[in-house]
């Protein structure tokens, strides 16, 4: 290789790297690039039989929740993202637009109860999945995750990660309004 070509080689490599970076930015321009598709959207919510936090002998099934839409919010006292989103969940629950059901995942009952006492309990009901088996059926792999389920038990929406006011306003509320329409 001649000396003049060798001088241009670093510039050519830099140009290729710059082009790959630009292509990555271009391909990730989707506004919903953080959304993870769920194979459960449009399908019946998985069957479960879980105890209620604080009342371990009371078991609730998916069929018990049918008849009215609900927001299933997966959380744990050990989860930093759950603490981050909790004020948003509280504010949404106060609207009374949709029942908010807590899904306490892999948590100690005492820790979960203490956490709700400290930060507020927005949930109409808190289901406890101590061993995480029901979470597998829902496709849950981290907390927080949130699902919107219609009155017939069909999953309409899933959000992975902490919900924000923008998530509620831009993604969840249009679906809730459709559920409320006659």
Protein backbone atom coordinates (compact mmCIF):
# COMPACT_ATOMS: atom_id res chain seq x y z
CA UNK A 1 0.00 0.00 0.00
CA UNK A 2 1.37 3.37 -0.91
CA UNK A 3 1.97 6.07 1.71
CA UNK A 4 -0.76 8.32 0.26
CA UNK A 5 -3.36 5.54 0.55
CA UNK A 6 -2.26 4.69 4.09
CA UNK A 7 -2.94 8.30 5.11
CA UNK A 8 -6.58 8.03 4.01
CA UNK A 9 -7.29 4.66 5.65
CA UNK A 10 -8.17 6.07 9.13
CA UNK A 11 -10.48 8.61 7.51
CA UNK A 12 -12.20 5.87 5.50
CA UNK A 13 -12.66 3.71 8.61
CA UNK A 14 -14.07 6.74 10.46
CA UNK A 15 -16.47 7.37 7.56
CA UNK A 16 -17.73 3.76 7.65
CA UNK A 17 -18.28 3.96 11.42
CA UNK A 18 -20.10 7.28 11.01
CA UNK A 19 -22.32 5.79 8.30
CA UNK A 20 -23.20 2.80 10.53
CA UNK A 21 -24.01 5.13 13.41
CA UNK A 22 -26.24 7.26 11.18
CA UNK A 23 -28.03 4.12 9.92
CA UNK A 24 -28.66 3.02 13.54
CA UNK A 25 -30.12 6.40 14.45
CA UNK A 26 -32.30 6.37 11.33
CA UNK A 27 -33.63 2.87 12.03
CA UNK A 28 -34.41 3.67 15.69
CA UNK A 29 -36.48 6.78 14.94
CA UNK A 30 -39.75 4.98 15.76
CA UNK A 31 -41.52 6.84 18.60
CA UNK A 32 -42.46 3.52 20.23
CA UNK A 33 -39.07 1.84 20.00
CA UNK A 34 -39.15 0.90 23.70
CA UNK A 35 -42.38 -1.08 23.28
CA UNK A 36 -42.00 -4.81 23.49
CA UNK A 37 -44.62 -6.74 21.60
CA UNK A 38 -46.57 -9.25 23.63
CA UNK A 39 -48.03 -12.36 22.05
CA UNK A 40 -50.91 -12.01 24.54
CA UNK A 41 -52.33 -8.80 23.06
CA UNK A 42 -55.80 -9.60 21.72
CA UNK A 43 -55.90 -12.94 23.55
CA UNK A 44 -57.60 -14.02 26.79
CA UNK A 45 -55.69 -13.26 29.96
CA UNK A 46 -53.99 -16.39 31.28
CA UNK A 47 -55.79 -18.40 33.91
CA UNK A 48 -54.48 -17.98 37.44
CA UNK A 49 -55.44 -18.69 41.03
CA UNK A 50 -53.61 -16.36 43.38
CA UNK A 51 -53.99 -15.37 47.03
CA UNK A 52 -54.84 -11.83 48.04
CA UNK A 53 -52.08 -9.96 49.86
CA UNK A 54 -53.02 -9.86 53.54
CA UNK A 55 -55.69 -12.57 53.11
CA UNK A 56 -53.78 -15.68 51.97
CA UNK A 57 -56.82 -17.97 52.24
CA UNK A 58 -58.78 -15.82 49.78
CA UNK A 59 -57.96 -17.00 46.26
CA UNK A 60 -58.82 -14.98 43.16
CA UNK A 61 -58.96 -16.30 39.62
CA UNK A 62 -58.92 -14.58 36.25
CA UNK A 63 -62.61 -15.43 35.90
CA UNK A 64 -63.35 -13.52 39.14
CA UNK A 65 -62.06 -10.31 37.52
CA UNK A 66 -64.27 -10.54 34.44
CA UNK A 67 -67.20 -8.20 33.98
CA UNK A 68 -65.33 -4.90 34.17
CA UNK A 69 -62.03 -3.77 32.64
CA UNK A 70 -58.96 -3.61 34.83
CA UNK A 71 -55.38 -2.44 34.80
CA UNK A 72 -53.03 -5.13 36.14
CA UNK A 73 -49.92 -3.48 37.56
CA UNK A 74 -46.97 -5.79 38.31
CA UNK A 75 -44.83 -4.50 41.18
CA UNK A 76 -42.57 -5.51 44.03
CA UNK A 77 -41.23 -3.72 47.08
CA UNK A 78 -37.72 -4.61 45.85
CA UNK A 79 -38.27 -2.83 42.49
CA UNK A 80 -36.82 0.70 42.02
CA UNK A 81 -38.88 1.27 38.85
CA UNK A 82 -42.06 0.41 40.77
CA UNK A 83 -41.30 3.12 43.28
CA UNK A 84 -40.62 5.52 40.40
CA UNK A 85 -44.03 4.87 38.81
CA UNK A 86 -46.09 4.50 41.99
CA UNK A 87 -47.26 8.13 42.15
CA UNK A 88 -48.47 7.81 38.54
CA UNK A 89 -50.38 4.62 39.37
CA UNK A 90 -51.87 6.31 42.44
CA UNK A 91 -53.02 9.31 40.38
CA UNK A 92 -54.56 7.07 37.70
CA UNK A 93 -56.37 4.97 40.31
CA UNK A 94 -57.88 8.12 41.82
CA UNK A 95 -59.65 8.85 38.52
CA UNK A 96 -61.78 5.73 39.05
CA UNK A 97 -61.88 5.14 35.29
CA UNK A 98 -60.71 1.52 35.51
CA UNK A 99 -60.11 -0.85 38.43
CA UNK A 100 -56.43 -1.08 39.26
CA UNK A 101 -55.34 -4.53 40.37
CA UNK A 102 -51.92 -5.00 41.93
CA UNK A 103 -49.85 -8.04 41.00
CA UNK A 104 -47.23 -8.33 43.73
CA UNK A 105 -44.44 -10.41 42.23
CA UNK A 106 -41.91 -12.50 44.15
CA UNK A 107 -42.18 -10.43 47.29
CA UNK A 108 -42.40 -11.15 50.99
CA UNK A 109 -45.90 -10.31 52.28
CA UNK A 110 -44.53 -8.17 55.12
CA UNK A 111 -42.33 -6.16 52.73
CA UNK A 112 -45.20 -5.62 50.28
CA UNK A 113 -47.59 -4.52 53.03
CA UNK A 114 -45.02 -2.15 54.53
CA UNK A 115 -44.32 -0.68 51.06
CA UNK A 116 -48.03 -0.01 50.42
CA UNK A 117 -48.40 1.56 53.86
CA UNK A 118 -45.44 3.84 53.16
CA UNK A 119 -46.26 4.87 49.57
CA UNK A 120 -50.03 4.44 49.40
CA UNK A 121 -52.25 1.67 48.11
CA UNK A 122 -53.91 2.53 44.79
CA UNK A 123 -55.11 -1.03 44.21
CA UNK A 124 -58.66 -2.32 44.44
CA UNK A 125 -57.11 -5.71 45.08
CA UNK A 126 -53.53 -6.98 45.39
CA UNK A 127 -52.79 -10.46 44.11
CA UNK A 128 -49.64 -12.13 45.44
CA UNK A 129 -47.52 -14.27 43.11
CA UNK A 130 -44.95 -15.44 45.67
CA UNK A 131 -43.26 -18.07 43.53
CA UNK A 132 -43.58 -16.27 40.17
CA UNK A 133 -45.37 -19.11 38.37
CA UNK A 134 -48.40 -17.03 37.35
CA UNK A 135 -46.06 -14.33 36.04
CA UNK A 136 -44.59 -16.82 33.58
CA UNK A 137 -48.03 -17.40 32.06
CA UNK A 138 -48.48 -13.63 31.66
CA UNK A 139 -45.08 -13.32 29.96
CA UNK A 140 -43.78 -11.13 32.78
CA UNK A 141 -40.01 -10.97 32.93
CA UNK A 142 -39.45 -7.83 34.96
CA UNK A 143 -41.21 -5.28 37.09
CA UNK A 144 -42.89 -2.97 36.61
CA UNK A 145 -45.12 -4.17 33.83
CA UNK A 146 -48.72 -3.14 33.27
CA UNK A 147 -51.59 -4.73 31.32
CA UNK A 148 -55.01 -3.40 30.34
CA UNK A 149 -57.63 -6.14 30.26
CA UNK A 150 -61.17 -5.62 28.95
CA UNK A 151 -64.40 -6.76 30.64
CA UNK A 152 -64.30 -10.07 28.76
CA UNK A 153 -60.77 -10.87 29.96
CA UNK A 154 -58.94 -9.99 26.75
CA UNK A 155 -55.55 -8.31 27.06
CA UNK A 156 -55.62 -5.04 25.12
CA UNK A 157 -52.32 -3.42 26.06
CA UNK A 158 -49.01 -4.07 27.76
CA UNK A 159 -46.43 -1.59 29.00
CA UNK A 160 -42.97 -2.62 30.16
CA UNK A 161 -41.14 -0.36 32.59
CA UNK A 162 -42.29 2.52 34.77
CA UNK A 163 -45.43 4.26 33.58
CA UNK A 164 -45.30 8.03 33.27
CA UNK A 165 -47.93 10.72 32.92
CA UNK A 166 -47.19 10.69 29.18
CA UNK A 167 -47.71 6.90 29.03
CA UNK A 168 -51.10 7.29 30.70
CA UNK A 169 -52.12 10.25 28.53
CA UNK A 170 -50.84 9.02 25.14
CA UNK A 171 -51.19 5.24 25.31
CA UNK A 172 -53.53 4.13 28.07
CA UNK A 173 -56.27 6.78 28.06
CA UNK A 174 -57.22 6.37 24.38
CA UNK A 175 -57.82 2.68 25.09
CA UNK A 176 -59.77 3.42 28.28
CA UNK A 177 -61.94 5.89 26.35
CA UNK A 178 -62.68 3.20 23.75
CA UNK A 179 -63.71 0.85 26.56
CA UNK A 180 -66.04 3.50 27.96
CA UNK A 181 -67.71 4.21 24.62
CA UNK A 182 -71.22 2.74 24.26
